[in-house]
Amino acid sequence: GKEGYKSIHHAIKSGWIAVIHTKKDIKLGLGKGEEQAISLAVERKDRLILDDAFAIKAAKALNVNYLRTTTIIFTALKKRILIKKQALSILNQLIENGYYISTKDYSILISKLR
């Protein structure tokens, strides 16, 4: 299986993560995951975490509130859930695992963490 599958499977089995299916998927020309996430947010009038630029444009067009992963990291930092060193470590781990961030945006975030 894919990396992280066992952890996610365990979180679902233990009830920490709930799997909720949409009543109707909105076809947006995005990946299946993004379409289902946005569809569910529309149905539930809820917000979601998005980082994909096209998914963000679609969410905005449907008036869906969203947060970026980096916003969550900085919110945790502001609420003192994380310290700067931890926030920087998480950001770098995300990038090492394929999270895309432009060099310019990375520089801005790093300057906020120093």
Protein backbone atom coordinates (compact mmCIF):
# COMPACT_ATOMS: atom_id res chain seq x y z
CA GLY A 1 0.00 0.00 0.00
CA LYS A 2 0.86 3.64 -0.20
CA GLU A 3 2.93 5.33 2.48
CA GLY A 4 0.72 6.44 5.36
CA TYR A 5 -2.11 4.03 4.46
CA LYS A 6 -1.84 2.08 7.71
CA SER A 7 -1.95 5.25 9.81
CA ILE A 8 -5.01 6.58 7.99
CA HIS A 9 -6.73 3.19 8.08
CA HIS A 10 -6.13 2.99 11.85
CA ALA A 11 -7.43 6.55 12.35
CA ILE A 12 -10.64 5.64 10.48
CA LYS A 13 -11.08 2.37 12.40
CA SER A 14 -10.56 4.12 15.74
CA GLY A 15 -13.05 6.86 14.86
CA TRP A 16 -10.52 9.67 14.81
CA ILE A 17 -11.25 10.25 11.11
CA ALA A 18 -14.79 9.93 9.77
CA VAL A 19 -15.41 9.06 6.12
CA ILE A 20 -18.36 11.06 4.81
CA HIS A 21 -19.67 10.58 1.29
CA THR A 22 -21.13 13.38 -0.78
CA LYS A 23 -24.74 13.28 -1.89
CA LYS A 24 -23.75 14.68 -5.27
CA ASP A 25 -20.30 15.40 -6.67
CA ILE A 26 -19.86 18.73 -8.39
CA LYS A 27 -17.86 18.22 -11.60
CA LEU A 28 -15.16 20.88 -11.64
CA GLY A 29 -12.48 19.36 -13.84
CA LEU A 30 -10.26 18.76 -10.82
CA GLY A 31 -8.92 15.58 -9.28
CA LYS A 32 -11.47 13.28 -7.67
CA GLY A 33 -10.30 14.16 -4.15
CA GLU A 34 -10.53 17.90 -4.67
CA GLU A 35 -13.95 17.60 -6.32
CA GLN A 36 -15.32 15.48 -3.47
CA ALA A 37 -13.83 17.74 -0.81
CA ILE A 38 -15.30 20.86 -2.40
CA SER A 39 -18.65 19.11 -2.99
CA LEU A 40 -18.80 18.07 0.66
CA ALA A 41 -17.89 21.59 1.83
CA VAL A 42 -20.71 23.01 -0.32
CA GLU A 43 -23.21 20.44 1.04
CA ARG A 44 -22.22 20.97 4.66
CA LYS A 45 -21.58 24.71 4.34
CA ASP A 46 -18.16 24.05 5.82
CA ARG A 47 -14.60 25.07 5.07
CA LEU A 48 -11.72 22.90 4.02
CA ILE A 49 -7.97 22.79 3.62
CA LEU A 50 -6.79 23.40 0.05
CA ASP A 51 -3.41 24.10 -1.48
CA ASP A 52 -4.01 23.35 -5.16
CA ALA A 53 -4.35 26.63 -7.11
CA PHE A 54 -7.13 25.32 -9.39
CA ALA A 55 -9.05 23.87 -6.44
CA ILE A 56 -8.78 27.22 -4.64
CA LYS A 57 -10.21 29.03 -7.68
CA ALA A 58 -13.09 26.54 -7.83
CA ALA A 59 -13.75 26.91 -4.08
CA LYS A 60 -13.78 30.70 -4.39
CA ALA A 61 -16.22 30.50 -7.31
CA LEU A 62 -18.55 28.38 -5.13
CA ASN A 63 -18.08 30.62 -2.06
CA VAL A 64 -16.41 27.84 -0.09
CA ASN A 65 -14.17 29.02 2.72
CA TYR A 66 -10.75 27.40 2.74
CA LEU A 67 -7.46 27.46 4.56
CA ARG A 68 -4.03 26.69 3.20
CA THR A 69 -1.77 24.24 5.02
CA THR A 70 0.68 27.06 5.74
CA THR A 71 -2.13 29.10 7.34
CA ILE A 72 -2.78 26.23 9.73
CA ILE A 73 0.91 26.05 10.65
CA PHE A 74 1.03 29.80 11.36
CA THR A 75 -2.25 29.68 13.30
CA ALA A 76 -0.80 26.92 15.49
CA LEU A 77 2.30 29.05 15.96
CA LYS A 78 0.24 32.12 16.89
CA LYS A 79 -1.79 30.07 19.39
CA ARG A 80 1.46 28.72 20.84
CA ILE A 81 0.60 25.14 19.90
CA LEU A 82 3.88 25.08 17.98
CA ILE A 83 7.15 26.91 18.48
CA LYS A 84 9.02 28.43 15.53
CA LYS A 85 11.47 25.54 15.31
CA GLN A 86 8.59 23.03 15.04
CA ALA A 87 6.75 25.14 12.46
CA LEU A 88 9.90 25.37 10.34
CA SER A 89 10.45 21.63 10.65
CA ILE A 90 6.87 20.88 9.56
CA LEU A 91 7.15 23.25 6.61
CA ASN A 92 10.41 21.65 5.48
CA GLN A 93 8.97 18.14 5.90
CA LEU A 94 5.99 19.10 3.75
CA ILE A 95 8.32 20.34 1.01
CA GLU A 96 10.50 17.23 1.26
CA ASN A 97 7.34 15.16 0.74
CA GLY A 98 6.22 17.01 -2.38
CA TYR A 99 4.35 20.07 -1.09
CA TYR A 100 4.94 22.81 -3.64
CA ILE A 101 5.73 26.32 -2.59
CA SER A 102 7.42 28.96 -4.73
CA THR A 103 10.88 30.13 -3.73
CA LYS A 104 9.49 33.63 -3.14
CA ASP A 105 6.70 32.38 -0.82
CA TYR A 106 9.12 30.06 0.98
CA SER A 107 11.47 33.01 1.64
CA ILE A 108 8.57 35.05 3.04
CA LEU A 109 7.49 32.20 5.33
CA ILE A 110 11.05 31.57 6.51
CA SER A 111 11.51 35.24 7.37
CA LYS A 112 8.37 35.03 9.53
CA LEU A 113 9.82 32.00 11.33
CA ARG A 114 13.12 33.62 12.26
